Amino acid sequence: NVWGWWRIDMDGDQIADGTDPLNWDSDGDWLNDWFEIENDMLDNIRGNGPSPLRWDDRKTNIG
């Protein structure tokens, strides 16, 4: 099963518990965000970089 923000949403409010809204991280993957932002800054293309969460999801859904 793919790890996602909903696994750390303890009260069902669609926000990952333990995250800081001031950091604009509502999905709880702050460590993953660092790698994605770093890649976006290097190639100036937003959202095309490797994401461990998305990689796992794509890998398990190959049919």
Protein backbone atom coordinates (compact mmCIF):
# COMPACT_ATOMS: atom_id res chain seq x y z
CA ASN A 1 0.00 0.00 0.00
CA VAL A 2 1.27 3.47 -0.84
CA TRP A 3 2.22 5.75 2.06
CA GLY A 4 0.20 8.98 2.00
CA TRP A 5 -0.82 11.96 4.09
CA TRP A 6 -4.13 10.33 5.05
CA ARG A 7 -2.21 7.84 7.16
CA ILE A 8 -1.24 10.60 9.60
CA ASP A 9 -4.63 12.35 9.58
CA MET A 10 -5.81 11.19 13.00
CA ASP A 11 -8.95 13.33 13.30
CA GLY A 12 -10.28 13.19 9.73
CA ASP A 13 -9.96 16.91 8.96
CA GLN A 14 -7.97 16.28 5.74
CA ILE A 15 -4.81 17.79 7.29
CA ALA A 16 -1.89 15.62 8.33
CA ASP A 17 -1.48 15.85 12.09
CA GLY A 18 1.90 17.01 13.31
CA THR A 19 2.46 19.32 10.34
CA ASP A 20 2.83 23.08 10.64
CA PRO A 21 0.39 25.09 8.48
CA LEU A 22 2.84 28.00 8.56
CA ASN A 23 5.18 25.88 6.42
CA TRP A 24 2.41 25.37 3.83
CA ASP A 25 2.66 21.63 4.23
CA SER A 26 -0.84 20.27 4.55
CA ASP A 27 -0.04 16.76 3.33
CA GLY A 28 2.66 15.85 5.85
CA ASP A 29 5.37 14.92 3.35
CA TRP A 30 7.78 17.71 4.33
CA LEU A 31 10.89 15.62 3.70
CA ASN A 32 9.64 14.61 0.26
CA ASP A 33 8.78 18.25 -0.52
CA TRP A 34 12.43 19.24 -0.05
CA PHE A 35 13.55 16.91 -2.85
CA GLU A 36 10.73 17.99 -5.16
CA ILE A 37 11.39 21.70 -4.65
CA GLU A 38 15.15 21.23 -5.08
CA ASN A 39 14.58 19.49 -8.42
CA ASP A 40 12.13 22.19 -9.56
CA MET A 41 14.67 24.90 -8.77
CA LEU A 42 17.40 23.10 -10.72
CA ASP A 43 15.48 22.66 -13.98
CA ASN A 44 12.86 25.46 -13.68
CA ILE A 45 10.03 23.03 -14.48
CA ARG A 46 7.53 22.62 -11.68
CA GLY A 47 6.31 19.16 -10.74
CA ASN A 48 8.33 17.05 -13.17
CA GLY A 49 10.88 15.74 -10.70
CA PRO A 50 11.12 12.41 -8.95
CA SER A 51 8.76 11.90 -6.05
CA PRO A 52 9.15 8.84 -3.82
CA LEU A 53 5.41 8.91 -3.07
CA ARG A 54 4.36 9.18 -6.72
CA TRP A 55 7.05 6.73 -7.81
CA ASP A 56 5.66 4.09 -5.46
CA ASP A 57 2.13 4.76 -6.68
CA ARG A 58 3.09 4.46 -10.34
CA LYS A 59 5.16 1.36 -9.66
CA THR A 60 2.31 -0.53 -7.96
CA ASN A 61 -0.26 0.41 -10.61
CA ILE A 62 1.66 -0.82 -13.66
CA GLY A 63 -0.58 -3.38 -15.22
